[in-house]
């Protein structure tokens, strides 16, 4: 039997914590009765700088049962960093760690399959969404576009996989050696290697509260994922530049032809349109390169990803 840890990041999740704890505790009871996990397995809630009573709820759960542990971060550091904090805290306390959001929209019944795959020798087991009807239409469309864009940019990731996964202790030990500040676990864990497999899951509706993954956060995650693992955008900037040079040569030939043919007309429309078009592309390209420079700036500072305020063991 393995000692299993479930790491669940929380940001303003007081409305779902009781329901989440009840379901995860029932799952543990079932897995323990089947001799699939040890009775010292635990659930670690990571409070990511919540502004509501999330941490008080975690303290109450810990006082009610030693099965629940809590990690209180000093301030909000974001979803990826909160998951990383929980995994690093649990890596020396468990044989394997499952990460899952506190709203439990991911199918917790897949955790048993993940444990079975771990026993078969897999170090990483990804939860892959095969049905997302519970997600809003816009979220489904943006997710589809995001995965296709990652593939086009040659980012190594698992299609339709978010952050619901099982990882073994040796994967976590390897992950701890990666010190990058721009954290994107969906691309970083596949990069580490080790034997992996997938389990299929169906997304369910959120039981309470609202999703903390707004459109702006999803766009930010997409930008981080692509720019942290691919230099393709810089190459596309160069290709755009080459295309505009070629286009300007064609315009130059046309202008010379118009002059010699006597058909040239003095006008401002074409000039203004050209200025706006070229200016917009230049600004866009500078912005793309600037993102990479900004990432270099953050990396060389070597600041910690998070600071731990309290730990309930």
Protein backbone atom coordinates (compact mmCIF):
# COMPACT_ATOMS: atom_id res chain seq x y z
CA UNK A 1 0.00 0.00 0.00
CA UNK A 2 1.20 3.48 -0.79
CA UNK A 3 1.00 6.56 1.33
CA UNK A 4 -0.97 9.00 -0.80
CA UNK A 5 -1.20 12.76 -0.47
CA UNK A 6 -3.81 14.89 -2.17
CA UNK A 7 -2.71 18.49 -2.68
CA UNK A 8 -5.52 20.96 -3.28
CA UNK A 9 -4.87 24.69 -3.84
CA UNK A 10 -7.51 27.04 -2.41
CA UNK A 11 -8.22 30.68 -3.12
CA UNK A 12 -11.41 32.02 -1.52
CA UNK A 13 -12.96 28.54 -1.37
CA UNK A 14 -14.80 28.67 1.95
CA UNK A 15 -18.08 27.77 0.21
CA UNK A 16 -16.79 24.48 -1.20
CA UNK A 17 -14.32 23.29 1.45
CA UNK A 18 -16.77 21.33 3.60
CA UNK A 19 -18.19 19.54 0.57
CA UNK A 20 -14.69 18.94 -0.81
CA UNK A 21 -13.40 17.53 2.49
CA UNK A 22 -16.42 15.25 2.89
CA UNK A 23 -16.02 13.74 -0.59
CA UNK A 24 -12.24 13.31 -0.35
CA UNK A 25 -12.50 11.76 3.12
CA UNK A 26 -15.10 9.26 1.85
CA UNK A 27 -12.78 8.43 -1.06
CA UNK A 28 -9.91 7.79 1.36
CA UNK A 29 -12.09 5.52 3.50
CA UNK A 30 -12.98 3.52 0.40
CA UNK A 31 -9.37 3.22 -0.83
CA UNK A 32 -8.12 2.26 2.64
CA UNK A 33 -10.81 -0.44 2.94
CA UNK A 34 -9.62 -1.83 -0.41
CA UNK A 35 -6.00 -1.84 0.86
CA UNK A 36 -4.94 0.50 -1.95
CA UNK A 37 -3.58 3.31 0.23
CA UNK A 38 -2.28 3.38 3.79
CA UNK A 39 -4.33 4.84 6.63
CA UNK A 40 -1.71 7.58 7.16
CA UNK A 41 -2.47 9.07 3.74
CA UNK A 42 -3.56 12.70 3.96
CA UNK A 43 -5.19 15.67 2.26
CA UNK A 44 -3.18 18.90 2.13
CA UNK A 45 -5.11 22.11 1.48
CA UNK A 46 -2.94 25.02 0.34
CA UNK A 47 -4.37 28.42 1.21
CA UNK A 48 -3.17 30.79 -1.50
CA UNK A 49 -3.66 34.11 0.27
CA UNK A 50 -7.46 33.83 0.48
CA UNK A 51 -9.40 36.89 1.62
CA UNK A 52 -12.34 34.93 3.03
CA UNK A 53 -12.50 32.31 5.80
CA UNK A 54 -10.72 29.59 3.82
CA UNK A 55 -7.82 29.27 6.26
CA UNK A 56 -10.16 29.17 9.28
CA UNK A 57 -12.06 26.35 7.57
CA UNK A 58 -8.81 24.44 6.97
CA UNK A 59 -7.85 24.85 10.64
CA UNK A 60 -11.26 23.48 11.68
CA UNK A 61 -10.86 20.47 9.36
CA UNK A 62 -7.39 19.78 10.79
CA UNK A 63 -8.70 19.96 14.35
CA UNK A 64 -11.51 17.57 13.43
CA UNK A 65 -9.22 14.99 11.78
CA UNK A 66 -5.45 14.52 11.45
CA UNK A 67 -6.16 13.37 7.89
CA UNK A 68 -6.42 17.04 6.89
CA UNK A 69 -3.29 19.15 6.80
CA UNK A 70 -2.97 22.80 5.88
CA UNK A 71 -0.37 25.03 4.26
CA UNK A 72 -0.90 28.77 4.60
CA UNK A 73 1.05 30.91 2.13
CA UNK A 74 2.06 34.43 3.17
CA UNK A 75 0.27 35.99 0.19
CA UNK A 76 -1.43 35.10 -3.06
CA UNK A 77 1.13 33.62 -5.47
CA UNK A 78 -1.16 32.12 -8.11
CA UNK A 79 -2.51 28.68 -8.91
CA UNK A 80 0.67 27.11 -10.32
CA UNK A 81 2.90 28.30 -7.50
CA UNK A 82 0.37 27.18 -4.89
CA UNK A 83 0.34 23.67 -6.39
CA UNK A 84 4.14 23.68 -6.40
CA UNK A 85 4.22 24.73 -2.73
CA UNK A 86 1.90 21.89 -1.78
CA UNK A 87 3.82 19.28 -3.76
CA UNK A 88 7.17 20.34 -2.32
CA UNK A 89 5.72 20.22 1.20
CA UNK A 90 4.29 16.73 0.62
CA UNK A 91 7.13 15.16 -1.38
CA UNK A 92 8.98 13.79 1.67
CA UNK A 93 5.78 12.79 3.46
CA UNK A 94 4.14 10.55 0.83
CA UNK A 95 4.98 8.03 -1.88
CA UNK A 96 2.81 9.80 -4.45
CA UNK A 97 0.89 13.06 -4.71
CA UNK A 98 -2.36 13.80 -6.53
CA UNK A 99 -3.09 17.45 -7.34
CA UNK A 100 -6.71 18.51 -7.75
CA UNK A 101 -8.55 21.81 -7.40
CA UNK A 102 -10.68 22.30 -4.28
CA UNK A 103 -13.91 22.63 -6.27
CA UNK A 104 -13.57 18.93 -7.27
CA UNK A 105 -14.89 19.51 -10.79
CA UNK A 106 -12.37 16.87 -11.80
CA UNK A 107 -13.57 13.29 -11.34
CA UNK A 108 -12.22 12.09 -7.98
CA UNK A 109 -13.20 8.52 -8.87
CA UNK A 110 -10.24 8.58 -11.25
CA UNK A 111 -7.88 8.78 -8.28
CA UNK A 112 -8.32 5.05 -7.66
CA UNK A 113 -7.33 4.40 -11.29
CA UNK A 114 -4.32 6.66 -10.81
CA UNK A 115 -3.23 4.67 -7.77
CA UNK A 116 -3.63 1.44 -9.76
CA UNK A 117 -1.46 2.88 -12.56
CA UNK A 118 1.15 3.91 -9.99
CA UNK A 119 1.24 0.34 -8.67
CA UNK A 120 1.76 -0.84 -12.25
CA UNK A 121 4.96 1.21 -12.40
CA UNK A 122 3.92 4.60 -13.80
CA UNK A 123 5.46 7.67 -12.18
CA UNK A 124 3.04 10.17 -13.70
CA UNK A 125 -0.67 9.66 -14.37
CA UNK A 126 -2.49 12.48 -16.17
CA UNK A 127 -6.21 13.10 -15.87
CA UNK A 128 -7.44 13.78 -19.41
CA UNK A 129 -10.83 15.38 -20.01
CA UNK A 130 -13.01 13.44 -22.45
CA UNK A 131 -16.19 15.39 -21.74
CA UNK A 132 -16.49 19.07 -20.73
CA UNK A 133 -20.24 19.68 -21.02
CA UNK A 134 -20.30 21.13 -17.50
CA UNK A 135 -17.91 23.91 -18.55
CA UNK A 136 -19.34 27.11 -20.10
CA UNK A 137 -19.19 27.26 -23.89
CA UNK A 138 -16.62 30.06 -23.90
CA UNK A 139 -14.31 28.11 -21.58
CA UNK A 140 -14.56 25.04 -23.82
CA UNK A 141 -13.78 27.05 -26.95
CA UNK A 142 -10.85 28.89 -25.38
CA UNK A 143 -9.46 25.64 -23.95
CA UNK A 144 -9.63 24.00 -27.38
CA UNK A 145 -7.89 26.98 -28.98
CA UNK A 146 -5.26 26.95 -26.24
CA UNK A 147 -4.31 23.28 -26.71
CA UNK A 148 -4.16 23.68 -30.50
CA UNK A 149 -1.99 26.78 -30.13
CA UNK A 150 0.37 24.92 -27.79
CA UNK A 151 0.70 22.13 -30.35
CA UNK A 152 1.41 24.63 -33.12
CA UNK A 153 4.09 26.26 -30.97
CA UNK A 154 5.70 22.84 -30.28
CA UNK A 155 5.06 23.00 -26.53
CA UNK A 156 5.23 19.47 -25.11
CA UNK A 157 2.05 18.95 -23.11
CA UNK A 158 -0.81 16.48 -22.71
CA UNK A 159 -3.92 17.37 -24.72
CA UNK A 160 -6.98 18.23 -22.60
CA UNK A 161 -5.01 17.86 -19.38
CA UNK A 162 -5.02 20.62 -16.77
CA UNK A 163 -3.52 20.08 -13.30
CA UNK A 164 -5.27 16.90 -12.19
CA UNK A 165 -2.48 14.32 -12.02
CA UNK A 166 -0.62 11.82 -9.88
CA UNK A 167 3.15 12.11 -9.57
CA UNK A 168 5.53 9.84 -7.69
CA UNK A 169 8.08 10.94 -5.12
CA UNK A 170 10.98 10.56 -7.54
CA UNK A 171 9.24 12.85 -10.04
CA UNK A 172 8.79 15.39 -7.26
CA UNK A 173 12.45 15.08 -6.32
CA UNK A 174 13.37 15.73 -9.94
CA UNK A 175 10.90 18.64 -10.13
CA UNK A 176 12.51 20.23 -7.06
CA UNK A 177 15.72 20.63 -9.08
CA UNK A 178 13.96 22.95 -11.54
CA UNK A 179 14.37 26.47 -10.21
CA UNK A 180 12.60 28.49 -12.90
CA UNK A 181 10.35 31.32 -11.74
CA UNK A 182 7.91 31.22 -14.66
CA UNK A 183 6.14 28.08 -13.55
CA UNK A 184 3.95 26.14 -15.97
CA UNK A 185 3.51 22.63 -14.59
CA UNK A 186 1.52 21.33 -17.56
CA UNK A 187 4.63 21.74 -19.68
CA UNK A 188 7.29 21.19 -17.03
CA UNK A 189 6.22 17.76 -15.78
CA UNK A 190 6.12 16.17 -19.27
CA UNK A 191 9.58 17.69 -19.80
CA UNK A 192 10.97 15.79 -16.80
CA UNK A 193 10.23 12.43 -18.40
CA UNK A 194 9.62 9.15 -16.50
CA UNK A 195 6.98 6.59 -17.44
CA UNK A 196 3.53 8.09 -17.73
CA UNK A 197 -0.03 7.17 -18.67
CA UNK A 198 -3.46 8.78 -18.67
CA UNK A 199 -6.90 8.20 -17.21
CA UNK A 200 -10.07 9.57 -18.76
CA UNK A 201 -12.27 11.88 -16.72
CA UNK A 202 -15.48 13.87 -17.09
CA UNK A 203 -15.77 17.40 -15.74
CA UNK A 204 -18.70 17.97 -13.37
CA UNK A 205 -20.46 21.17 -12.38
CA UNK A 206 -19.08 23.28 -9.56
CA UNK A 207 -21.09 22.68 -6.36
CA UNK A 208 -20.71 26.15 -4.86
CA UNK A 209 -18.90 29.42 -5.34
CA UNK A 210 -17.50 30.76 -8.57
CA UNK A 211 -14.51 29.67 -10.61
CA UNK A 212 -11.39 31.71 -9.85
CA UNK A 213 -10.02 31.05 -13.34
CA UNK A 214 -11.18 34.19 -15.13
CA UNK A 215 -10.61 34.78 -18.84
CA UNK A 216 -7.67 37.08 -18.09
CA UNK A 217 -6.04 34.39 -15.91
CA UNK A 218 -6.53 31.76 -18.61
CA UNK A 219 -4.95 34.07 -21.20
CA UNK A 220 -2.07 34.75 -18.81
CA UNK A 221 -1.57 31.02 -18.28
CA UNK A 222 -1.59 30.46 -22.05
CA UNK A 223 1.04 33.17 -22.59
CA UNK A 224 3.19 31.74 -19.78
CA UNK A 225 2.87 28.21 -21.14
CA UNK A 226 3.90 29.15 -24.66
CA UNK A 227 6.66 31.65 -23.86
CA UNK A 228 8.19 29.46 -21.13
CA UNK A 229 8.57 26.41 -23.37
CA UNK A 230 8.79 27.65 -26.94
CA UNK A 231 10.80 30.23 -28.91
CA UNK A 232 8.47 29.85 -31.89
CA UNK A 233 6.85 33.27 -31.34
CA UNK A 234 10.22 34.97 -31.83
CA UNK A 235 10.68 33.10 -35.08
CA UNK A 236 7.21 34.17 -36.17
CA UNK A 237 8.21 37.77 -35.44
CA UNK A 238 11.16 37.32 -37.79
CA UNK A 239 8.91 35.75 -40.43
CA UNK A 240 6.51 38.70 -40.19
CA UNK A 241 9.46 41.06 -40.64
CA UNK A 242 10.61 39.17 -43.74
CA UNK A 243 7.07 39.24 -45.14
CA UNK A 244 6.84 43.00 -44.65
CA UNK A 245 10.21 43.57 -46.34
CA UNK A 246 8.99 41.51 -49.30
CA UNK A 247 5.69 43.40 -49.32
CA UNK A 248 7.50 46.76 -49.23
CA UNK A 249 9.60 45.72 -52.25
CA UNK A 250 6.42 44.97 -54.18
CA UNK A 251 4.97 48.35 -53.16
CA UNK A 252 8.20 50.04 -54.25
CA UNK A 253 8.01 48.38 -57.67
CA UNK A 254 4.38 49.46 -58.01
CA UNK A 255 5.23 53.06 -57.03
CA UNK A 256 8.07 53.24 -59.59
CA UNK A 257 5.77 51.81 -62.24
CA UNK A 258 3.09 54.37 -61.40
CA UNK A 259 5.60 57.22 -61.62
CA UNK A 260 6.95 56.16 -65.01
CA UNK A 261 3.45 55.40 -66.32
CA UNK A 262 2.17 58.77 -65.15
CA UNK A 263 -0.69 57.25 -63.18
CA UNK A 264 0.58 58.11 -59.69
CA UNK A 265 -1.88 60.08 -57.57
CA UNK A 266 -1.15 62.05 -54.49
CA UNK A 267 -3.27 60.75 -51.65
CA UNK A 268 -3.14 60.22 -47.96
CA UNK A 269 -5.37 57.13 -47.50
CA UNK A 270 -2.80 54.56 -48.58
CA UNK A 271 -0.08 56.26 -46.54
CA UNK A 272 -2.17 56.42 -43.39
CA UNK A 273 -3.28 52.80 -43.76
CA UNK A 274 0.30 51.68 -44.29
CA UNK A 275 1.54 53.61 -41.27
CA UNK A 276 -1.13 52.14 -39.00
CA UNK A 277 -0.66 48.61 -40.31
CA UNK A 278 3.13 48.59 -40.15
CA UNK A 279 3.15 50.48 -36.85
CA UNK A 280 0.74 47.99 -35.30
CA UNK A 281 2.80 45.02 -36.44
CA UNK A 282 6.00 46.61 -35.13
CA UNK A 283 4.46 47.26 -31.72
CA UNK A 284 3.09 43.70 -31.63
CA UNK A 285 6.51 42.25 -32.47
CA UNK A 286 8.27 44.42 -29.89
CA UNK A 287 5.69 43.27 -27.31
CA UNK A 288 6.37 39.60 -28.15
CA UNK A 289 10.11 40.05 -27.73
CA UNK A 290 9.46 42.10 -24.59
CA UNK A 291 7.65 39.17 -22.96
CA UNK A 292 10.78 37.05 -23.30
CA UNK A 293 12.98 39.84 -21.96
CA UNK A 294 10.60 40.24 -19.02
CA UNK A 295 10.86 36.52 -18.26
CA UNK A 296 14.66 36.77 -18.29
CA UNK A 297 14.37 39.72 -15.89
CA UNK A 298 12.25 37.68 -13.47
CA UNK A 299 14.46 34.60 -13.72
CA UNK A 300 17.72 36.36 -12.88
CA UNK A 301 16.24 37.84 -9.70
CA UNK A 302 15.99 34.29 -8.25
CA UNK A 303 13.20 35.30 -5.90
CA UNK A 304 11.34 32.48 -4.09
CA UNK A 305 8.09 31.28 -5.64
CA UNK A 306 6.27 31.48 -2.33
CA UNK A 307 6.68 32.02 1.41
CA UNK A 308 5.06 29.69 3.93
CA UNK A 309 3.29 31.38 6.83
CA UNK A 310 1.82 28.36 8.65
CA UNK A 311 1.81 24.59 8.30
CA UNK A 312 -0.66 22.30 10.03
CA UNK A 313 0.91 18.83 10.20
